[in-house]
């Protein structure tokens, strides 16, 4: 008999409200993908005779993006100032500081 197809995410849930099935559940579609969607997804086909499964590993890559966008700072002589540069991505970006184009 034609198998029933089921999808699961190992160690978690399928992304809520962003998961759609196509082609009689043979295709799992995730929209608006985020880094949290990385992981192993298992497709299980089962009928009255047996079942088989296959694990698909999904890795989400992300260009660097700001966690906290840097802000301009205006200081008077003698004041202290803090510059914050918080960025993330996959792979994790390296952060460099330059003053007037010169590394510090």
Protein backbone atom coordinates (compact mmCIF):
# COMPACT_ATOMS: atom_id res chain seq x y z
CA UNK A 1 0.00 0.00 0.00
CA UNK A 2 0.99 3.63 -0.48
CA UNK A 3 2.96 4.73 2.58
CA UNK A 4 1.95 7.54 4.91
CA UNK A 5 4.66 10.19 5.14
CA UNK A 6 5.54 11.94 8.39
CA UNK A 7 8.19 14.58 9.17
CA UNK A 8 9.82 15.31 12.52
CA UNK A 9 12.69 17.49 13.70
CA UNK A 10 15.03 15.53 15.93
CA UNK A 11 15.29 17.08 19.39
CA UNK A 12 12.60 19.66 18.72
CA UNK A 13 9.42 20.66 16.97
CA UNK A 14 8.85 21.57 13.35
CA UNK A 15 8.79 25.37 13.03
CA UNK A 16 5.28 26.48 14.05
CA UNK A 17 3.23 28.41 11.47
CA UNK A 18 6.13 28.28 8.97
CA UNK A 19 5.94 24.62 7.91
CA UNK A 20 4.03 23.45 4.85
CA UNK A 21 3.77 20.10 3.11
CA UNK A 22 3.63 19.64 -0.65
CA UNK A 23 3.46 16.74 -3.08
CA UNK A 24 1.38 14.50 -0.75
CA UNK A 25 3.68 15.31 2.22
CA UNK A 26 6.75 14.16 0.29
CA UNK A 27 8.09 17.72 0.44
CA UNK A 28 8.57 19.68 3.66
CA UNK A 29 8.73 23.44 3.06
CA UNK A 30 9.89 25.92 5.72
CA UNK A 31 9.40 29.63 5.07
CA UNK A 32 11.23 32.56 6.67
CA UNK A 33 14.10 30.31 7.79
CA UNK A 34 16.13 31.29 10.86
CA UNK A 35 19.29 29.88 12.44
CA UNK A 36 17.11 28.01 14.97
CA UNK A 37 15.81 25.88 12.09
CA UNK A 38 19.21 24.17 11.77
CA UNK A 39 19.17 20.52 12.81
CA UNK A 40 18.24 17.04 11.68
CA UNK A 41 14.89 16.46 10.03
CA UNK A 42 13.56 12.94 9.67
CA UNK A 43 11.21 11.76 6.93
CA UNK A 44 9.35 8.57 7.85
CA UNK A 45 7.39 6.48 5.33
CA UNK A 46 5.14 3.81 6.85
CA UNK A 47 2.57 1.35 5.53
CA UNK A 48 1.08 -1.88 6.87
CA UNK A 49 4.17 -3.86 5.87
CA UNK A 50 6.99 -1.78 7.31
CA UNK A 51 8.54 1.66 7.63
CA UNK A 52 11.70 3.39 6.46
CA UNK A 53 13.21 6.74 7.36
CA UNK A 54 15.89 9.11 6.21
CA UNK A 55 17.59 11.92 8.16
CA UNK A 56 18.36 15.19 6.40
CA UNK A 57 20.84 17.54 8.07
CA UNK A 58 20.00 21.24 7.63
CA UNK A 59 22.53 23.99 8.32
CA UNK A 60 21.45 27.62 8.14
CA UNK A 61 24.20 30.07 7.20
CA UNK A 62 23.79 33.77 7.97
CA UNK A 63 25.75 36.81 6.84
CA UNK A 64 26.85 39.06 9.70
CA UNK A 65 24.04 41.11 11.22
CA UNK A 66 23.79 43.57 14.09
CA UNK A 67 22.54 42.41 17.47
CA UNK A 68 22.97 45.96 18.74
CA UNK A 69 23.60 48.56 16.06
CA UNK A 70 26.55 50.84 16.85
CA UNK A 71 25.71 54.44 17.81
CA UNK A 72 27.65 57.64 17.37
CA UNK A 73 29.21 59.01 20.53
CA UNK A 74 29.80 62.67 21.40
CA UNK A 75 32.13 63.29 24.35
CA UNK A 76 33.72 66.25 26.05
CA UNK A 77 37.40 66.22 27.05
CA UNK A 78 37.90 64.17 30.23
CA UNK A 79 34.70 62.10 29.82
CA UNK A 80 34.65 58.34 29.49
CA UNK A 81 32.90 56.66 26.57
CA UNK A 82 31.94 53.13 25.67
CA UNK A 83 31.65 51.89 22.10
CA UNK A 84 29.59 48.72 21.60
CA UNK A 85 29.74 46.48 18.56
CA UNK A 86 27.54 43.38 18.87
CA UNK A 87 27.16 41.26 15.73
CA UNK A 88 26.26 37.66 14.99
CA UNK A 89 26.11 35.31 12.01
CA UNK A 90 26.94 31.76 10.99
CA UNK A 91 29.85 31.31 10.88
CA UNK A 92 30.36 33.70 13.80
CA UNK A 93 31.92 36.92 12.48
CA UNK A 94 35.18 38.33 13.81
CA UNK A 95 35.02 41.91 15.08
CA UNK A 96 37.81 44.41 14.38
CA UNK A 97 38.20 47.93 15.72
CA UNK A 98 39.75 50.74 13.70
CA UNK A 99 40.29 54.40 14.57
CA UNK A 100 40.38 56.64 11.48
CA UNK A 101 41.01 53.53 9.34
CA UNK A 102 43.91 52.27 11.48
CA UNK A 103 43.53 49.03 13.51
CA UNK A 104 43.67 49.54 17.27
